[in-house]
Amino acid sequence: MMDTFKKGLALGLGLAATSIEHAERVIDDLVKKGEMTKEESKAFFNEFYKKGQDTHRNILSELNVATKDDINRLEARLAKLEAQINQEQ
């Protein structure tokens, strides 16, 4: 089960990277054709990227995957508990 999850996550990340590269090419083509200015292209790409990041976070949240912040909080809590135990000894 975990192997399937890892493969699915890797596939999703690969597709995301491919989508970003494809979006960059399409946007560059629109700029070259004069259908979009460089400023418009930057704003469009930033919006596209932000939506992708939001979707990524939502998927990870639905899968209940720990974030780096979650792990950092747990490590800090663990360090605090270890310090308390060492003081009691």
N, C-alpha and C. Protein backbone atom coordinates (compact mmCIF):
# COMPACT_ATOMS: atom_id res chain seq x y z
N MET A 1 0.83 -1.19 0.00
CA MET A 1 0.00 0.00 0.00
C MET A 1 0.87 1.25 0.00
N MET A 2 1.90 1.29 0.87
CA MET A 2 2.76 2.46 0.95
C MET A 2 3.53 2.64 -0.35
N ASP A 3 3.93 1.54 -0.98
CA ASP A 3 4.65 1.62 -2.25
C ASP A 3 3.76 2.27 -3.31
N THR A 4 2.51 1.89 -3.34
CA THR A 4 1.56 2.48 -4.28
C THR A 4 1.39 3.96 -4.00
N PHE A 5 1.32 4.32 -2.74
CA PHE A 5 1.20 5.73 -2.35
C PHE A 5 2.41 6.52 -2.83
N LYS A 6 3.61 5.97 -2.60
CA LYS A 6 4.84 6.65 -3.02
C LYS A 6 4.88 6.82 -4.53
N LYS A 7 4.48 5.78 -5.27
CA LYS A 7 4.47 5.87 -6.72
C LYS A 7 3.46 6.93 -7.19
N GLY A 8 2.31 6.96 -6.56
CA GLY A 8 1.29 7.95 -6.91
C GLY A 8 1.76 9.36 -6.63
N LEU A 9 2.42 9.54 -5.50
CA LEU A 9 2.94 10.86 -5.14
C LEU A 9 4.02 11.28 -6.12
N ALA A 10 4.91 10.37 -6.47
CA ALA A 10 5.97 10.68 -7.43
C ALA A 10 5.37 11.03 -8.79
N LEU A 11 4.35 10.31 -9.19
CA LEU A 11 3.68 10.60 -10.46
C LEU A 11 3.05 11.99 -10.42
N GLY A 12 2.40 12.31 -9.33
CA GLY A 12 1.77 13.62 -9.20
C GLY A 12 2.79 14.74 -9.24
N LEU A 13 3.91 14.55 -8.56
CA LEU A 13 4.95 15.57 -8.57
C LEU A 13 5.57 15.71 -9.96
N GLY A 14 5.73 14.59 -10.65
CA GLY A 14 6.25 14.63 -12.02
C GLY A 14 5.31 15.37 -12.95
N LEU A 15 4.01 15.10 -12.79
CA LEU A 15 3.03 15.79 -13.62
C LEU A 15 3.01 17.28 -13.32
N ALA A 16 3.16 17.63 -12.07
CA ALA A 16 3.19 19.05 -11.70
C ALA A 16 4.37 19.75 -12.35
N ALA A 17 5.54 19.11 -12.30
CA ALA A 17 6.73 19.70 -12.92
C ALA A 17 6.55 19.84 -14.42
N THR A 18 5.97 18.83 -15.03
CA THR A 18 5.71 18.87 -16.46
C THR A 18 4.72 19.97 -16.79
N SER A 19 3.69 20.14 -15.98
CA SER A 19 2.69 21.17 -16.21
C SER A 19 3.32 22.56 -16.13
N ILE A 20 4.21 22.76 -15.18
CA ILE A 20 4.88 24.06 -15.04
C ILE A 20 5.72 24.34 -16.28
N GLU A 21 6.47 23.34 -16.72
CA GLU A 21 7.31 23.52 -17.91
C GLU A 21 6.45 23.82 -19.13
N HIS A 22 5.35 23.11 -19.26
CA HIS A 22 4.45 23.32 -20.40
C HIS A 22 3.84 24.72 -20.33
N ALA A 23 3.43 25.14 -19.16
CA ALA A 23 2.85 26.48 -19.00
C ALA A 23 3.87 27.54 -19.38
N GLU A 24 5.12 27.36 -18.96
CA GLU A 24 6.16 28.32 -19.30
C GLU A 24 6.34 28.41 -20.81
N ARG A 25 6.33 27.28 -21.50
CA ARG A 25 6.48 27.28 -22.97
C ARG A 25 5.31 27.98 -23.64
N VAL A 26 4.09 27.68 -23.20
CA VAL A 26 2.91 28.30 -23.79
C VAL A 26 2.94 29.81 -23.56
N ILE A 27 3.27 30.22 -22.36
CA ILE A 27 3.33 31.66 -22.04
C ILE A 27 4.41 32.34 -22.87
N ASP A 28 5.58 31.71 -23.00
CA ASP A 28 6.66 32.28 -23.82
C ASP A 28 6.21 32.44 -25.27
N ASP A 29 5.50 31.45 -25.78
CA ASP A 29 4.98 31.54 -27.16
C ASP A 29 4.01 32.70 -27.32
N LEU A 30 3.15 32.89 -26.32
CA LEU A 30 2.19 34.00 -26.38
C LEU A 30 2.91 35.35 -26.37
N VAL A 31 3.98 35.45 -25.59
CA VAL A 31 4.75 36.69 -25.55
C VAL A 31 5.43 36.92 -26.90
N LYS A 32 6.02 35.87 -27.46
CA LYS A 32 6.70 35.99 -28.76
C LYS A 32 5.72 36.42 -29.86
N LYS A 33 4.49 35.92 -29.78
CA LYS A 33 3.47 36.27 -30.79
C LYS A 33 2.87 37.65 -30.53
N GLY A 34 3.22 38.25 -29.40
CA GLY A 34 2.70 39.57 -29.08
C GLY A 34 1.29 39.54 -28.51
N GLU A 35 0.83 38.37 -28.12
CA GLU A 35 -0.52 38.24 -27.58
C GLU A 35 -0.56 38.51 -26.08
N MET A 36 0.63 38.64 -25.48
CA MET A 36 0.72 38.88 -24.04
C MET A 36 2.02 39.63 -23.79
N THR A 37 1.99 40.61 -22.90
CA THR A 37 3.22 41.32 -22.55
C THR A 37 4.00 40.50 -21.53
N LYS A 38 5.26 40.88 -21.33
CA LYS A 38 6.08 40.18 -20.33
C LYS A 38 5.48 40.33 -18.94
N GLU A 39 4.98 41.54 -18.64
CA GLU A 39 4.37 41.77 -17.33
C GLU A 39 3.13 40.90 -17.14
N GLU A 40 2.30 40.82 -18.19
CA GLU A 40 1.11 39.96 -18.12
C GLU A 40 1.51 38.50 -17.96
N SER A 41 2.57 38.10 -18.66
CA SER A 41 3.00 36.71 -18.58
C SER A 41 3.47 36.35 -17.18
N LYS A 42 4.20 37.29 -16.54
CA LYS A 42 4.67 37.04 -15.18
C LYS A 42 3.50 36.90 -14.22
N ALA A 43 2.53 37.82 -14.35
CA ALA A 43 1.35 37.77 -13.47
C ALA A 43 0.56 36.48 -13.70
N PHE A 44 0.40 36.10 -14.97
CA PHE A 44 -0.34 34.88 -15.30
C PHE A 44 0.36 33.65 -14.74
N PHE A 45 1.68 33.58 -14.94
CA PHE A 45 2.42 32.42 -14.44
C PHE A 45 2.36 32.36 -12.91
N ASN A 46 2.53 33.50 -12.25
CA ASN A 46 2.47 33.51 -10.78
C ASN A 46 1.12 33.01 -10.28
N GLU A 47 0.04 33.42 -10.95
CA GLU A 47 -1.30 32.95 -10.56
C GLU A 47 -1.43 31.44 -10.80
N PHE A 48 -0.94 30.98 -11.95
CA PHE A 48 -0.96 29.55 -12.29
C PHE A 48 -0.18 28.76 -11.23
N TYR A 49 1.00 29.26 -10.87
CA TYR A 49 1.85 28.58 -9.90
C TYR A 49 1.20 28.56 -8.52
N LYS A 50 0.61 29.68 -8.11
CA LYS A 50 -0.06 29.78 -6.81
C LYS A 50 -1.21 28.78 -6.72
N LYS A 51 -2.01 28.70 -7.79
CA LYS A 51 -3.13 27.75 -7.78
C LYS A 51 -2.61 26.31 -7.68
N GLY A 52 -1.51 26.02 -8.35
CA GLY A 52 -0.91 24.70 -8.26
C GLY A 52 -0.43 24.38 -6.85
N GLN A 53 0.20 25.36 -6.21
CA GLN A 53 0.66 25.17 -4.83
C GLN A 53 -0.52 24.96 -3.88
N ASP A 54 -1.58 25.74 -4.07
CA ASP A 54 -2.77 25.58 -3.23
C ASP A 54 -3.37 24.19 -3.40
N THR A 55 -3.45 23.73 -4.65
CA THR A 55 -3.98 22.39 -4.92
C THR A 55 -3.10 21.33 -4.27
N HIS A 56 -1.79 21.51 -4.37
CA HIS A 56 -0.84 20.58 -3.78
C HIS A 56 -1.04 20.49 -2.27
N ARG A 57 -1.17 21.66 -1.62
CA ARG A 57 -1.39 21.67 -0.17
C ARG A 57 -2.70 21.00 0.20
N ASN A 58 -3.74 21.26 -0.58
CA ASN A 58 -5.03 20.65 -0.29
C ASN A 58 -4.98 19.14 -0.41
N ILE A 59 -4.29 18.64 -1.41
CA ILE A 59 -4.19 17.19 -1.60
C ILE A 59 -3.42 16.57 -0.43
N LEU A 60 -2.30 17.19 -0.06
CA LEU A 60 -1.52 16.66 1.07
C LEU A 60 -2.32 16.71 2.36
N SER A 61 -3.10 17.74 2.52
CA SER A 61 -3.95 17.86 3.71
C SER A 61 -5.00 16.76 3.73
N GLU A 62 -5.63 16.51 2.58
CA GLU A 62 -6.64 15.45 2.50
C GLU A 62 -6.04 14.09 2.77
N LEU A 63 -4.80 13.90 2.35
CA LEU A 63 -4.12 12.62 2.57
C LEU A 63 -3.57 12.52 3.99
N ASN A 64 -3.67 13.63 4.74
CA ASN A 64 -3.21 13.69 6.11
C ASN A 64 -1.70 13.43 6.22
N VAL A 65 -0.94 14.00 5.28
CA VAL A 65 0.51 13.87 5.26
C VAL A 65 1.10 14.98 6.12
N ALA A 66 2.04 14.63 6.96
CA ALA A 66 2.68 15.62 7.84
C ALA A 66 3.49 16.61 7.01
N THR A 67 3.37 17.88 7.36
CA THR A 67 4.16 18.92 6.70
C THR A 67 5.48 19.09 7.44
N LYS A 68 6.38 19.86 6.85
CA LYS A 68 7.65 20.13 7.50
C LYS A 68 7.42 20.87 8.81
N ASP A 69 6.44 21.79 8.82
CA ASP A 69 6.11 22.51 10.05
C ASP A 69 5.60 21.55 11.13
N ASP A 70 4.78 20.58 10.73
CA ASP A 70 4.29 19.59 11.69
C ASP A 70 5.46 18.83 12.31
N ILE A 71 6.39 18.42 11.49
CA ILE A 71 7.54 17.66 11.97
C ILE A 71 8.42 18.53 12.87
N ASN A 72 8.62 19.79 12.48
CA ASN A 72 9.41 20.70 13.32
C ASN A 72 8.77 20.90 14.69
N ARG A 73 7.43 21.04 14.72
CA ARG A 73 6.73 21.20 16.00
C ARG A 73 6.90 19.95 16.86
N LEU A 74 6.79 18.78 16.25
CA LEU A 74 6.95 17.53 16.99
C LEU A 74 8.38 17.38 17.52
N GLU A 75 9.35 17.76 16.71
CA GLU A 75 10.74 17.67 17.15
C GLU A 75 11.00 18.61 18.33
N ALA A 76 10.43 19.82 18.27
CA ALA A 76 10.60 20.78 19.37
C ALA A 76 9.93 20.24 20.64
N ARG A 77 8.77 19.66 20.47
CA ARG A 77 8.06 19.09 21.62
C ARG A 77 8.84 17.93 22.23
N LEU A 78 9.38 17.10 21.35
CA LEU A 78 10.18 15.96 21.81
C LEU A 78 11.43 16.43 22.55
N ALA A 79 12.09 17.45 22.02
CA ALA A 79 13.29 17.99 22.68
C ALA A 79 12.94 18.54 24.05
N LYS A 80 11.80 19.20 24.16
CA LYS A 80 11.36 19.75 25.45
C LYS A 80 11.10 18.62 26.45
N LEU A 81 10.42 17.58 26.00
CA LEU A 81 10.15 16.43 26.88
C LEU A 81 11.43 15.73 27.30
N GLU A 82 12.37 15.58 26.36
CA GLU A 82 13.64 14.96 26.70
C GLU A 82 14.40 15.79 27.73
N ALA A 83 14.36 17.11 27.59
CA ALA A 83 15.01 17.98 28.57
C ALA A 83 14.37 17.84 29.94
N GLN A 84 13.07 17.73 29.98
CA GLN A 84 12.38 17.55 31.26
C GLN A 84 12.76 16.23 31.90
N ILE A 85 12.83 15.19 31.11
CA ILE A 85 13.18 13.86 31.65
C ILE A 85 14.62 13.90 32.17
N ASN A 86 15.52 14.53 31.43
CA ASN A 86 16.93 14.60 31.86
C ASN A 86 17.07 15.41 33.15
N GLN A 87 16.25 16.43 33.34
CA GLN A 87 16.30 17.23 34.57
C GLN A 87 15.81 16.43 35.76
N GLU A 88 14.84 15.55 35.55
CA GLU A 88 14.27 14.76 36.62
C GLU A 88 15.19 13.64 37.08
N GLN A 89 16.11 13.27 36.24
CA GLN A 89 17.00 12.15 36.57
C GLN A 89 18.12 12.57 37.42
